[in-house]
């Protein structure tokens, strides 16, 4: 399994739920690391202004392997 922090997992869940992101400089660094690792990609959808990132298949598999469905993961952190 990937070496990913709890904060990054929480971001993946928020991105998967298209929750509004309030990105501090620390969260921006985490987002950049997730992009580099292939977990998220900039959104090219019509709602990119509200949801600027989207999960990749890699992130979806990771969350599934983690056992953290998008509706359940918030309870782990």
C-alpha atoms as a PDB file:
ATOM      1  CA  UNK A   1       0.000   0.000   0.000  1.00  0.00           C
ATOM      2  CA  UNK A   2       1.155   3.540  -0.725  1.00  0.00           C
ATOM      3  CA  UNK A   3       2.855   5.636   1.932  1.00  0.00           C
ATOM      4  CA  UNK A   4       0.295   8.377   2.336  1.00  0.00           C
ATOM      5  CA  UNK A   5      -0.551  10.496   5.381  1.00  0.00           C
ATOM      6  CA  UNK A   6      -3.885  10.687   7.147  1.00  0.00           C
ATOM      7  CA  UNK A   7      -4.139  14.322   6.021  1.00  0.00           C
ATOM      8  CA  UNK A   8      -3.705  13.242   2.401  1.00  0.00           C
ATOM      9  CA  UNK A   9      -6.313  10.522   2.790  1.00  0.00           C
ATOM     10  CA  UNK A  10      -8.692  13.102   4.224  1.00  0.00           C
ATOM     11  CA  UNK A  11      -8.010  15.332   1.200  1.00  0.00           C
ATOM     12  CA  UNK A  12      -8.685  12.409  -1.151  1.00  0.00           C
ATOM     13  CA  UNK A  13     -12.027  11.842   0.543  1.00  0.00           C
ATOM     14  CA  UNK A  14     -12.933  15.539   0.312  1.00  0.00           C
ATOM     15  CA  UNK A  15     -11.939  15.627  -3.348  1.00  0.00           C
ATOM     16  CA  UNK A  16     -13.915  12.453  -4.063  1.00  0.00           C
ATOM     17  CA  UNK A  17     -16.979  13.997  -2.449  1.00  0.00           C
ATOM     18  CA  UNK A  18     -16.384  17.261  -4.309  1.00  0.00           C
ATOM     19  CA  UNK A  19     -16.351  19.055  -0.964  1.00  0.00           C
ATOM     20  CA  UNK A  20     -15.179  22.679  -0.990  1.00  0.00           C
ATOM     21  CA  UNK A  21     -11.443  22.831  -0.334  1.00  0.00           C
ATOM     22  CA  UNK A  22      -9.948  25.540   1.842  1.00  0.00           C
ATOM     23  CA  UNK A  23      -6.320  25.085   0.883  1.00  0.00           C
ATOM     24  CA  UNK A  24      -3.745  26.470   3.259  1.00  0.00           C
ATOM     25  CA  UNK A  25      -0.125  26.463   2.106  1.00  0.00           C
ATOM     26  CA  UNK A  26       0.369  23.105   3.873  1.00  0.00           C
ATOM     27  CA  UNK A  27      -2.680  21.580   2.151  1.00  0.00           C
ATOM     28  CA  UNK A  28      -1.476  22.925  -1.205  1.00  0.00           C
ATOM     29  CA  UNK A  29       1.807  21.087  -0.633  1.00  0.00           C
ATOM     30  CA  UNK A  30      -0.139  17.893   0.136  1.00  0.00           C
ATOM     31  CA  UNK A  31      -2.259  18.363  -2.999  1.00  0.00           C
ATOM     32  CA  UNK A  32       0.867  18.810  -5.131  1.00  0.00           C
ATOM     33  CA  UNK A  33       2.298  15.586  -3.679  1.00  0.00           C
ATOM     34  CA  UNK A  34      -0.964  13.773  -4.497  1.00  0.00           C
ATOM     35  CA  UNK A  35      -0.831  15.050  -8.077  1.00  0.00           C
ATOM     36  CA  UNK A  36       2.795  13.968  -8.425  1.00  0.00           C
ATOM     37  CA  UNK A  37       1.963  10.515  -7.010  1.00  0.00           C
ATOM     38  CA  UNK A  38      -0.905  10.125  -9.497  1.00  0.00           C
ATOM     39  CA  UNK A  39      -3.759  10.154  -6.978  1.00  0.00           C
ATOM     40  CA  UNK A  40      -5.519  13.283  -8.219  1.00  0.00           C
ATOM     41  CA  UNK A  41      -5.626  15.345 -11.352  1.00  0.00           C
ATOM     42  CA  UNK A  42      -6.856  18.860 -12.067  1.00  0.00           C
ATOM     43  CA  UNK A  43     -10.516  18.755 -13.016  1.00  0.00           C
ATOM     44  CA  UNK A  44     -11.489  19.560 -16.561  1.00  0.00           C
ATOM     45  CA  UNK A  45     -15.185  19.333 -15.806  1.00  0.00           C
ATOM     46  CA  UNK A  46     -17.704  22.159 -15.902  1.00  0.00           C
ATOM     47  CA  UNK A  47     -17.625  22.326 -12.108  1.00  0.00           C
ATOM     48  CA  UNK A  48     -13.844  22.822 -11.939  1.00  0.00           C
ATOM     49  CA  UNK A  49     -14.346  26.098 -10.127  1.00  0.00           C
ATOM     50  CA  UNK A  50     -16.158  24.297  -7.292  1.00  0.00           C
ATOM     51  CA  UNK A  51     -14.206  21.031  -7.527  1.00  0.00           C
ATOM     52  CA  UNK A  52     -10.764  21.847  -8.935  1.00  0.00           C
ATOM     53  CA  UNK A  53      -9.430  18.282  -8.579  1.00  0.00           C
ATOM     54  CA  UNK A  54     -10.707  14.790  -9.222  1.00  0.00           C
ATOM     55  CA  UNK A  55      -9.625  11.362  -8.077  1.00  0.00           C
ATOM     56  CA  UNK A  56      -7.747   9.084 -10.431  1.00  0.00           C
ATOM     57  CA  UNK A  57      -8.442   5.371 -10.695  1.00  0.00           C
ATOM     58  CA  UNK A  58      -5.318   4.861  -8.565  1.00  0.00           C
ATOM     59  CA  UNK A  59      -6.842   6.909  -5.728  1.00  0.00           C
ATOM     60  CA  UNK A  60     -10.146   5.083  -5.979  1.00  0.00           C
ATOM     61  CA  UNK A  61      -8.365   1.724  -5.766  1.00  0.00           C
ATOM     62  CA  UNK A  62      -6.270   2.956  -2.835  1.00  0.00           C
ATOM     63  CA  UNK A  63      -9.315   4.087  -0.862  1.00  0.00           C
ATOM     64  CA  UNK A  64     -11.071   0.830  -1.667  1.00  0.00           C
ATOM     65  CA  UNK A  65      -8.072  -1.210  -0.477  1.00  0.00           C
ATOM     66  CA  UNK A  66      -7.897   0.941   2.625  1.00  0.00           C
ATOM     67  CA  UNK A  67     -11.483  -0.012   3.323  1.00  0.00           C
ATOM     68  CA  UNK A  68     -12.493   3.603   3.461  1.00  0.00           C
ATOM     69  CA  UNK A  69     -15.469   4.170   1.244  1.00  0.00           C
ATOM     70  CA  UNK A  70     -15.930   7.839   0.472  1.00  0.00           C
ATOM     71  CA  UNK A  71     -18.903   8.070   2.816  1.00  0.00           C
ATOM     72  CA  UNK A  72     -17.101   6.290   5.661  1.00  0.00           C
ATOM     73  CA  UNK A  73     -13.548   7.626   5.568  1.00  0.00           C
ATOM     74  CA  UNK A  74     -14.214  10.772   7.601  1.00  0.00           C
ATOM     75  CA  UNK A  75     -14.969   8.584  10.604  1.00  0.00           C
ATOM     76  CA  UNK A  76     -11.434   7.141  10.583  1.00  0.00           C
ATOM     77  CA  UNK A  77      -9.751  10.499  11.169  1.00  0.00           C
END
